[in-house]
Amino acid sequence: MGRDTPTEPKDVKDRGLHARHAGDPTLASYLSSFLFALSVPGFVLLSYAGYWQGWYPYSWILGVFGG
């Protein structure tokens, strides 16, 4: 719920859009974002790889990806 009292605008670092300590983004934060961005394509590829290996039928790919 919003506040009733007005506040002054804060710059990007004060709003906490990067690191929690309001500093520059760290290598760990970049790596975390990179791995998160790769996770969905990786799961899709693994789902299809299981089908290509004959582990389950084509109709199960969506269920395997969701699982």
PDB file of N, CA and C in Angstrom:
ATOM      1  N   MET A   1       0.838  -1.164   0.000  1.00  0.00           N
ATOM      2  CA  MET A   1       0.000   0.000   0.000  1.00  0.00           C
ATOM      3  C   MET A   1       0.891   1.238   0.000  1.00  0.00           C
ATOM      4  N   GLY A   2       0.557   2.231  -0.775  1.00  0.00           N
ATOM      5  CA  GLY A   2       1.356   3.429  -0.905  1.00  0.00           C
ATOM      6  C   GLY A   2       1.285   4.316   0.321  1.00  0.00           C
ATOM      7  N   ARG A   3       2.244   5.167   0.436  1.00  0.00           N
ATOM      8  CA  ARG A   3       2.268   6.107   1.550  1.00  0.00           C
ATOM      9  C   ARG A   3       1.437   7.335   1.198  1.00  0.00           C
ATOM     10  N   ASP A   4       0.901   7.962   2.222  1.00  0.00           N
ATOM     11  CA  ASP A   4       0.140   9.192   2.004  1.00  0.00           C
ATOM     12  C   ASP A   4       1.040  10.420   1.971  1.00  0.00           C
ATOM     13  N   THR A   5       2.254  10.294   2.533  1.00  0.00           N
ATOM     14  CA  THR A   5       3.151  11.442   2.559  1.00  0.00           C
ATOM     15  C   THR A   5       4.065  11.394   1.348  1.00  0.00           C
ATOM     16  N   PRO A   6       4.294  12.536   0.704  1.00  0.00           N
ATOM     17  CA  PRO A   6       5.179  12.541  -0.461  1.00  0.00           C
ATOM     18  C   PRO A   6       6.638  12.335  -0.052  1.00  0.00           C
ATOM     19  N   THR A   7       7.388  11.687  -0.908  1.00  0.00           N
ATOM     20  CA  THR A   7       8.815  11.495  -0.662  1.00  0.00           C
ATOM     21  C   THR A   7       9.587  12.027  -1.852  1.00  0.00           C
ATOM     22  N   GLU A   8      10.829  12.379  -1.607  1.00  0.00           N
ATOM     23  CA  GLU A   8      11.662  12.885  -2.686  1.00  0.00           C
ATOM     24  C   GLU A   8      12.124  11.724  -3.570  1.00  0.00           C
ATOM     25  N   PRO A   9      12.260  11.965  -4.857  1.00  0.00           N
ATOM     26  CA  PRO A   9      12.747  10.901  -5.740  1.00  0.00           C
ATOM     27  C   PRO A   9      14.167  10.493  -5.372  1.00  0.00           C
ATOM     28  N   LYS A  10      14.452   9.214  -5.494  1.00  0.00           N
ATOM     29  CA  LYS A  10      15.776   8.692  -5.169  1.00  0.00           C
ATOM     30  C   LYS A  10      16.475   8.270  -6.461  1.00  0.00           C
ATOM     31  N   ASP A  11      17.805   8.325  -6.430  1.00  0.00           N
ATOM     32  CA  ASP A  11      18.519   7.877  -7.616  1.00  0.00           C
ATOM     33  C   ASP A  11      18.546   6.346  -7.663  1.00  0.00           C
ATOM     34  N   VAL A  12      19.083   5.805  -8.736  1.00  0.00           N
ATOM     35  CA  VAL A  12      19.018   4.363  -8.983  1.00  0.00           C
ATOM     36  C   VAL A  12      19.679   3.565  -7.877  1.00  0.00           C
ATOM     37  N   LYS A  13      20.832   3.988  -7.425  1.00  0.00           N
ATOM     38  CA  LYS A  13      21.544   3.225  -6.390  1.00  0.00           C
ATOM     39  C   LYS A  13      20.790   3.229  -5.062  1.00  0.00           C
ATOM     40  N   ASP A  14      20.126   4.328  -4.741  1.00  0.00           N
ATOM     41  CA  ASP A  14      19.364   4.387  -3.491  1.00  0.00           C
ATOM     42  C   ASP A  14      18.108   3.536  -3.540  1.00  0.00           C
ATOM     43  N   ARG A  15      17.571   3.310  -4.741  1.00  0.00           N
ATOM     44  CA  ARG A  15      16.367   2.488  -4.860  1.00  0.00           C
ATOM     45  C   ARG A  15      16.679   1.002  -4.776  1.00  0.00           C
ATOM     46  N   GLY A  16      17.930   0.656  -4.884  1.00  0.00           N
ATOM     47  CA  GLY A  16      18.305  -0.747  -4.732  1.00  0.00           C
ATOM     48  C   GLY A  16      18.062  -1.586  -5.960  1.00  0.00           C
ATOM     49  N   LEU A  17      18.216  -1.018  -7.149  1.00  0.00           N
ATOM     50  CA  LEU A  17      17.995  -1.792  -8.365  1.00  0.00           C
ATOM     51  C   LEU A  17      19.188  -2.667  -8.718  1.00  0.00           C
ATOM     52  N   HIS A  18      20.316  -2.466  -8.062  1.00  0.00           N
ATOM     53  CA  HIS A  18      21.495  -3.276  -8.336  1.00  0.00           C
ATOM     54  C   HIS A  18      21.786  -4.164  -7.137  1.00  0.00           C
ATOM     55  N   ALA A  19      22.904  -3.964  -6.532  1.00  0.00           N
ATOM     56  CA  ALA A  19      23.288  -4.767  -5.375  1.00  0.00           C
ATOM     57  C   ALA A  19      22.591  -4.251  -4.118  1.00  0.00           C
ATOM     58  N   ARG A  20      22.482  -5.094  -3.130  1.00  0.00           N
ATOM     59  CA  ARG A  20      21.787  -4.715  -1.900  1.00  0.00           C
ATOM     60  C   ARG A  20      22.491  -3.585  -1.157  1.00  0.00           C
ATOM     61  N   HIS A  21      23.786  -3.496  -1.282  1.00  0.00           N
ATOM     62  CA  HIS A  21      24.520  -2.456  -0.571  1.00  0.00           C
ATOM     63  C   HIS A  21      24.534  -1.146  -1.334  1.00  0.00           C
ATOM     64  N   ALA A  22      23.726  -1.039  -2.377  1.00  0.00           N
ATOM     65  CA  ALA A  22      23.559   0.170  -3.179  1.00  0.00           C
ATOM     66  C   ALA A  22      24.820   0.540  -3.936  1.00  0.00           C
ATOM     67  N   GLY A  23      25.679  -0.434  -4.179  1.00  0.00           N
ATOM     68  CA  GLY A  23      26.880  -0.192  -4.966  1.00  0.00           C
ATOM     69  C   GLY A  23      26.690  -0.700  -6.389  1.00  0.00           C
ATOM     70  N   ASP A  24      27.788  -0.833  -7.069  1.00  0.00           N
ATOM     71  CA  ASP A  24      27.741  -1.348  -8.427  1.00  0.00           C
ATOM     72  C   ASP A  24      27.418  -2.840  -8.408  1.00  0.00           C
ATOM     73  N   PRO A  25      26.851  -3.360  -9.489  1.00  0.00           N
ATOM     74  CA  PRO A  25      26.567  -4.790  -9.558  1.00  0.00           C
ATOM     75  C   PRO A  25      27.862  -5.600  -9.429  1.00  0.00           C
ATOM     76  N   THR A  26      27.765  -6.724  -8.768  1.00  0.00           N
ATOM     77  CA  THR A  26      28.937  -7.561  -8.551  1.00  0.00           C
ATOM     78  C   THR A  26      29.023  -8.634  -9.618  1.00  0.00           C
ATOM     79  N   LEU A  27      30.170  -9.289  -9.682  1.00  0.00           N
ATOM     80  CA  LEU A  27      30.353 -10.391 -10.618  1.00  0.00           C
ATOM     81  C   LEU A  27      29.356 -11.514 -10.318  1.00  0.00           C
ATOM     82  N   ALA A  28      29.105 -11.756  -9.045  1.00  0.00           N
ATOM     83  CA  ALA A  28      28.149 -12.793  -8.661  1.00  0.00           C
ATOM     84  C   ALA A  28      26.737 -12.463  -9.149  1.00  0.00           C
ATOM     85  N   SER A  29      26.359 -11.184  -9.102  1.00  0.00           N
ATOM     86  CA  SER A  29      25.018 -10.824  -9.566  1.00  0.00           C
ATOM     87  C   SER A  29      24.907 -10.978 -11.078  1.00  0.00           C
ATOM     88  N   TYR A  30      25.976 -10.630 -11.807  1.00  0.00           N
ATOM     89  CA  TYR A  30      25.971 -10.842 -13.256  1.00  0.00           C
ATOM     90  C   TYR A  30      25.900 -12.325 -13.593  1.00  0.00           C
ATOM     91  N   LEU A  31      26.670 -13.144 -12.883  1.00  0.00           N
ATOM     92  CA  LEU A  31      26.674 -14.583 -13.124  1.00  0.00           C
ATOM     93  C   LEU A  31      25.311 -15.191 -12.810  1.00  0.00           C
ATOM     94  N   SER A  32      24.692 -14.754 -11.738  1.00  0.00           N
ATOM     95  CA  SER A  32      23.373 -15.247 -11.370  1.00  0.00           C
ATOM     96  C   SER A  32      22.345 -14.915 -12.457  1.00  0.00           C
ATOM     97  N   SER A  33      22.376 -13.697 -12.957  1.00  0.00           N
ATOM     98  CA  SER A  33      21.447 -13.298 -14.014  1.00  0.00           C
ATOM     99  C   SER A  33      21.705 -14.073 -15.293  1.00  0.00           C
ATOM    100  N   PHE A  34      22.964 -14.296 -15.619  1.00  0.00           N
ATOM    101  CA  PHE A  34      23.321 -15.046 -16.815  1.00  0.00           C
ATOM    102  C   PHE A  34      22.830 -16.484 -16.734  1.00  0.00           C
ATOM    103  N   LEU A  35      23.045 -17.127 -15.600  1.00  0.00           N
ATOM    104  CA  LEU A  35      22.598 -18.511 -15.440  1.00  0.00           C
ATOM    105  C   LEU A  35      21.082 -18.612 -15.435  1.00  0.00           C
ATOM    106  N   PHE A  36      20.407 -17.631 -14.851  1.00  0.00           N
ATOM    107  CA  PHE A  36      18.953 -17.632 -14.865  1.00  0.00           C
ATOM    108  C   PHE A  36      18.428 -17.492 -16.292  1.00  0.00           C
ATOM    109  N   ALA A  37      19.061 -16.626 -17.084  1.00  0.00           N
ATOM    110  CA  ALA A  37      18.629 -16.427 -18.473  1.00  0.00           C
ATOM    111  C   ALA A  37      18.856 -17.674 -19.312  1.00  0.00           C
ATOM    112  N   LEU A  38      19.869 -18.456 -18.984  1.00  0.00           N
ATOM    113  CA  LEU A  38      20.149 -19.683 -19.729  1.00  0.00           C
ATOM    114  C   LEU A  38      19.348 -20.887 -19.251  1.00  0.00           C
ATOM    115  N   SER A  39      18.715 -20.792 -18.104  1.00  0.00           N
ATOM    116  CA  SER A  39      18.054 -21.967 -17.537  1.00  0.00           C
ATOM    117  C   SER A  39      16.868 -22.427 -18.377  1.00  0.00           C
ATOM    118  N   VAL A  40      16.033 -21.517 -18.862  1.00  0.00           N
ATOM    119  CA  VAL A  40      14.855 -21.929 -19.639  1.00  0.00           C
ATOM    120  C   VAL A  40      15.265 -22.587 -20.952  1.00  0.00           C
ATOM    121  N   PRO A  41      16.147 -21.985 -21.761  1.00  0.00           N
ATOM    122  CA  PRO A  41      16.566 -22.696 -22.974  1.00  0.00           C
ATOM    123  C   PRO A  41      17.250 -24.027 -22.663  1.00  0.00           C
ATOM    124  N   GLY A  42      17.958 -24.079 -21.555  1.00  0.00           N
ATOM    125  CA  GLY A  42      18.607 -25.330 -21.175  1.00  0.00           C
ATOM    126  C   GLY A  42      17.599 -26.421 -20.836  1.00  0.00           C
ATOM    127  N   PHE A  43      16.537 -26.063 -20.117  1.00  0.00           N
ATOM    128  CA  PHE A  43      15.510 -27.049 -19.786  1.00  0.00           C
ATOM    129  C   PHE A  43      14.760 -27.516 -21.039  1.00  0.00           C
ATOM    130  N   VAL A  44      14.523 -26.602 -21.970  1.00  0.00           N
ATOM    131  CA  VAL A  44      13.873 -26.995 -23.229  1.00  0.00           C
ATOM    132  C   VAL A  44      14.767 -27.971 -23.984  1.00  0.00           C
ATOM    133  N   LEU A  45      16.045 -27.653 -24.070  1.00  0.00           N
ATOM    134  CA  LEU A  45      16.985 -28.531 -24.770  1.00  0.00           C
ATOM    135  C   LEU A  45      17.060 -29.901 -24.103  1.00  0.00           C
ATOM    136  N   LEU A  46      17.101 -29.936 -22.781  1.00  0.00           N
ATOM    137  CA  LEU A  46      17.144 -31.223 -22.079  1.00  0.00           C
ATOM    138  C   LEU A  46      15.856 -32.023 -22.279  1.00  0.00           C
ATOM    139  N   SER A  47      14.728 -31.326 -22.347  1.00  0.00           N
ATOM    140  CA  SER A  47      13.462 -32.019 -22.584  1.00  0.00           C
ATOM    141  C   SER A  47      13.456 -32.690 -23.952  1.00  0.00           C
ATOM    142  N   TYR A  48      13.909 -31.950 -24.957  1.00  0.00           N
ATOM    143  CA  TYR A  48      13.978 -32.532 -26.295  1.00  0.00           C
ATOM    144  C   TYR A  48      15.059 -33.606 -26.389  1.00  0.00           C
ATOM    145  N   ALA A  49      16.151 -33.436 -25.672  1.00  0.00           N
ATOM    146  CA  ALA A  49      17.219 -34.440 -25.695  1.00  0.00           C
ATOM    147  C   ALA A  49      16.714 -35.775 -25.158  1.00  0.00           C
ATOM    148  N   GLY A  50      15.893 -35.740 -24.122  1.00  0.00           N
ATOM    149  CA  GLY A  50      15.323 -36.986 -23.611  1.00  0.00           C
ATOM    150  C   GLY A  50      14.427 -37.666 -24.629  1.00  0.00           C
ATOM    151  N   TYR A  51      13.692 -36.867 -25.382  1.00  0.00           N
ATOM    152  CA  TYR A  51      12.858 -37.428 -26.444  1.00  0.00           C
ATOM    153  C   TYR A  51      13.734 -38.028 -27.549  1.00  0.00           C
ATOM    154  N   TRP A  52      14.773 -37.300 -27.945  1.00  0.00           N
ATOM    155  CA  TRP A  52      15.661 -37.785 -29.004  1.00  0.00           C
ATOM    156  C   TRP A  52      16.389 -39.061 -28.598  1.00  0.00           C
ATOM    157  N   GLN A  53      16.641 -39.226 -27.296  1.00  0.00           N
ATOM    158  CA  GLN A  53      17.289 -40.435 -26.807  1.00  0.00           C
ATOM    159  C   GLN A  53      16.313 -41.603 -26.656  1.00  0.00           C
ATOM    160  N   GLY A  54      15.035 -41.322 -26.814  1.00  0.00           N
ATOM    161  CA  GLY A  54      14.033 -42.374 -26.721  1.00  0.00           C
ATOM    162  C   GLY A  54      13.580 -42.687 -25.311  1.00  0.00           C
ATOM    163  N   TRP A  55      13.797 -41.765 -24.364  1.00  0.00           N
ATOM    164  CA  TRP A  55      13.417 -42.013 -22.978  1.00  0.00           C
ATOM    165  C   TRP A  55      11.921 -41.885 -22.758  1.00  0.00           C
ATOM    166  N   TYR A  56      11.227 -41.096 -23.593  1.00  0.00           N
ATOM    167  CA  TYR A  56       9.788 -40.912 -23.470  1.00  0.00           C
ATOM    168  C   TYR A  56       9.241 -40.442 -24.810  1.00  0.00           C
ATOM    169  N   PRO A  57       7.916 -40.587 -25.015  1.00  0.00           N
ATOM    170  CA  PRO A  57       7.320 -40.185 -26.295  1.00  0.00           C
ATOM    171  C   PRO A  57       7.243 -38.664 -26.453  1.00  0.00           C
ATOM    172  N   TYR A  58       6.988 -38.218 -27.679  1.00  0.00           N
ATOM    173  CA  TYR A  58       6.936 -36.793 -28.008  1.00  0.00           C
ATOM    174  C   TYR A  58       5.892 -36.053 -27.182  1.00  0.00           C
ATOM    175  N   SER A  59       4.778 -36.689 -26.910  1.00  0.00           N
ATOM    176  CA  SER A  59       3.694 -36.022 -26.177  1.00  0.00           C
ATOM    177  C   SER A  59       4.072 -35.710 -24.727  1.00  0.00           C
ATOM    178  N   TRP A  60       5.135 -36.262 -24.211  1.00  0.00           N
ATOM    179  CA  TRP A  60       5.554 -36.027 -22.830  1.00  0.00           C
ATOM    180  C   TRP A  60       6.527 -34.855 -22.682  1.00  0.00           C
ATOM    181  N   ILE A  61       6.974 -34.266 -23.786  1.00  0.00           N
ATOM    182  CA  ILE A  61       8.009 -33.228 -23.706  1.00  0.00           C
ATOM    183  C   ILE A  61       7.561 -32.057 -22.825  1.00  0.00           C
ATOM    184  N   LEU A  62       6.336 -31.587 -23.018  1.00  0.00           N
ATOM    185  CA  LEU A  62       5.857 -30.467 -22.221  1.00  0.00           C
ATOM    186  C   LEU A  62       5.789 -30.823 -20.730  1.00  0.00           C
ATOM    187  N   GLY A  63       5.345 -32.025 -20.424  1.00  0.00           N
ATOM    188  CA  GLY A  63       5.295 -32.460 -19.030  1.00  0.00           C
ATOM    189  C   GLY A  63       6.682 -32.582 -18.403  1.00  0.00           C
ATOM    190  N   VAL A  64       7.634 -33.067 -19.169  1.00  0.00           N
ATOM    191  CA  VAL A  64       9.009 -33.175 -18.664  1.00  0.00           C
ATOM    192  C   VAL A  64       9.591 -31.783 -18.436  1.00  0.00           C
ATOM    193  N   PHE A  65       9.336 -30.867 -19.369  1.00  0.00           N
ATOM    194  CA  PHE A  65       9.815 -29.488 -19.196  1.00  0.00           C
ATOM    195  C   PHE A  65       9.172 -28.849 -17.963  1.00  0.00           C
ATOM    196  N   GLY A  66       7.888 -29.050 -17.776  1.00  0.00           N
ATOM    197  CA  GLY A  66       7.199 -28.485 -16.622  1.00  0.00           C
ATOM    198  C   GLY A  66       7.624 -29.116 -15.315  1.00  0.00           C
ATOM    199  N   GLY A  67       8.006 -30.377 -15.363  1.00  0.00           N
ATOM    200  CA  GLY A  67       8.411 -31.092 -14.145  1.00  0.00           C
ATOM    201  C   GLY A  67       9.739 -30.655 -13.660  1.00  0.00           C
TER     202      GLY A  67
END
